[in-house]
Amino acid sequence: MENIKYKSEDIAKKEFTPKETACSSGSKEYNIFIDTIVSVVEKYGAEILEEIDCAV
């Protein structure tokens, strides 16, 4: 039991905090993806909704 080392809470939190990845909301890749999706929806959204409405 003498050999057990205890870590402070601050160190433990730092170790388990996920780092920014391509999927995180602040990353450059995420922002490019969202901008692309928005442009596709703006361009084709109305047309797709009309087709869905006609199919129902």
C-alpha atoms as a PDB file:
ATOM      1  CA  MET A   1       0.000   0.000   0.000  1.00  0.00           C
ATOM      2  CA  GLU A   2       2.937   2.316   0.476  1.00  0.00           C
ATOM      3  CA  ASN A   3       3.706   2.294  -3.253  1.00  0.00           C
ATOM      4  CA  ILE A   4       0.306   3.651  -4.326  1.00  0.00           C
ATOM      5  CA  LYS A   5       0.590   7.078  -5.893  1.00  0.00           C
ATOM      6  CA  TYR A   6      -2.439   9.351  -5.916  1.00  0.00           C
ATOM      7  CA  LYS A   7      -3.117  11.878  -8.657  1.00  0.00           C
ATOM      8  CA  SER A   8      -4.792  15.161  -8.010  1.00  0.00           C
ATOM      9  CA  GLU A   9      -8.205  15.778  -9.592  1.00  0.00           C
ATOM     10  CA  ASP A  10      -6.798  18.406 -11.953  1.00  0.00           C
ATOM     11  CA  ILE A  11      -4.319  15.984 -13.478  1.00  0.00           C
ATOM     12  CA  ALA A  12      -6.963  13.262 -13.802  1.00  0.00           C
ATOM     13  CA  LYS A  13      -9.365  15.645 -15.569  1.00  0.00           C
ATOM     14  CA  LYS A  14      -6.667  16.759 -18.020  1.00  0.00           C
ATOM     15  CA  GLU A  15      -5.880  13.176 -18.946  1.00  0.00           C
ATOM     16  CA  PHE A  16      -9.496  12.318 -19.737  1.00  0.00           C
ATOM     17  CA  THR A  17     -10.489  15.537 -21.503  1.00  0.00           C
ATOM     18  CA  PRO A  18     -10.805  14.705 -25.198  1.00  0.00           C
ATOM     19  CA  LYS A  19      -8.665  16.775 -27.491  1.00  0.00           C
ATOM     20  CA  GLU A  20     -10.110  18.563 -30.504  1.00  0.00           C
ATOM     21  CA  THR A  21     -10.761  16.163 -33.354  1.00  0.00           C
ATOM     22  CA  ALA A  22     -12.070  16.556 -36.885  1.00  0.00           C
ATOM     23  CA  CYS A  23     -15.565  15.879 -35.530  1.00  0.00           C
ATOM     24  CA  SER A  24     -15.558  18.486 -32.799  1.00  0.00           C
ATOM     25  CA  SER A  25     -17.753  21.507 -33.388  1.00  0.00           C
ATOM     26  CA  GLY A  26     -14.918  24.040 -33.395  1.00  0.00           C
ATOM     27  CA  SER A  27     -12.622  22.398 -35.924  1.00  0.00           C
ATOM     28  CA  LYS A  28     -11.950  23.645 -39.436  1.00  0.00           C
ATOM     29  CA  GLU A  29     -13.094  20.361 -41.012  1.00  0.00           C
ATOM     30  CA  TYR A  30     -16.384  20.457 -39.124  1.00  0.00           C
ATOM     31  CA  ASN A  31     -17.083  24.034 -40.222  1.00  0.00           C
ATOM     32  CA  ILE A  32     -16.330  23.160 -43.869  1.00  0.00           C
ATOM     33  CA  PHE A  33     -18.662  20.155 -43.629  1.00  0.00           C
ATOM     34  CA  ILE A  34     -21.492  22.226 -42.124  1.00  0.00           C
ATOM     35  CA  ASP A  35     -21.053  24.967 -44.753  1.00  0.00           C
ATOM     36  CA  THR A  36     -21.225  22.345 -47.515  1.00  0.00           C
ATOM     37  CA  ILE A  37     -24.354  20.738 -46.079  1.00  0.00           C
ATOM     38  CA  VAL A  38     -26.021  24.143 -45.713  1.00  0.00           C
ATOM     39  CA  SER A  39     -25.263  25.052 -49.324  1.00  0.00           C
ATOM     40  CA  VAL A  40     -26.659  21.718 -50.586  1.00  0.00           C
ATOM     41  CA  VAL A  41     -29.848  22.145 -48.547  1.00  0.00           C
ATOM     42  CA  GLU A  42     -30.254  25.733 -49.748  1.00  0.00           C
ATOM     43  CA  LYS A  43     -29.797  24.690 -53.379  1.00  0.00           C
ATOM     44  CA  TYR A  44     -31.815  21.454 -53.499  1.00  0.00           C
ATOM     45  CA  GLY A  45     -33.972  21.522 -50.363  1.00  0.00           C
ATOM     46  CA  ALA A  46     -37.159  22.921 -51.917  1.00  0.00           C
ATOM     47  CA  GLU A  47     -36.964  20.528 -54.877  1.00  0.00           C
ATOM     48  CA  ILE A  48     -36.485  17.511 -52.639  1.00  0.00           C
ATOM     49  CA  LEU A  49     -39.354  18.564 -50.367  1.00  0.00           C
ATOM     50  CA  GLU A  50     -41.668  18.909 -53.400  1.00  0.00           C
ATOM     51  CA  GLU A  51     -40.735  15.405 -54.560  1.00  0.00           C
ATOM     52  CA  ILE A  52     -41.354  13.991 -51.095  1.00  0.00           C
ATOM     53  CA  ASP A  53     -44.695  15.816 -50.910  1.00  0.00           C
ATOM     54  CA  CYS A  54     -45.764  14.403 -54.302  1.00  0.00           C
ATOM     55  CA  ALA A  55     -44.804  10.886 -53.260  1.00  0.00           C
ATOM     56  CA  VAL A  56     -46.985  10.933 -50.159  1.00  0.00           C
END
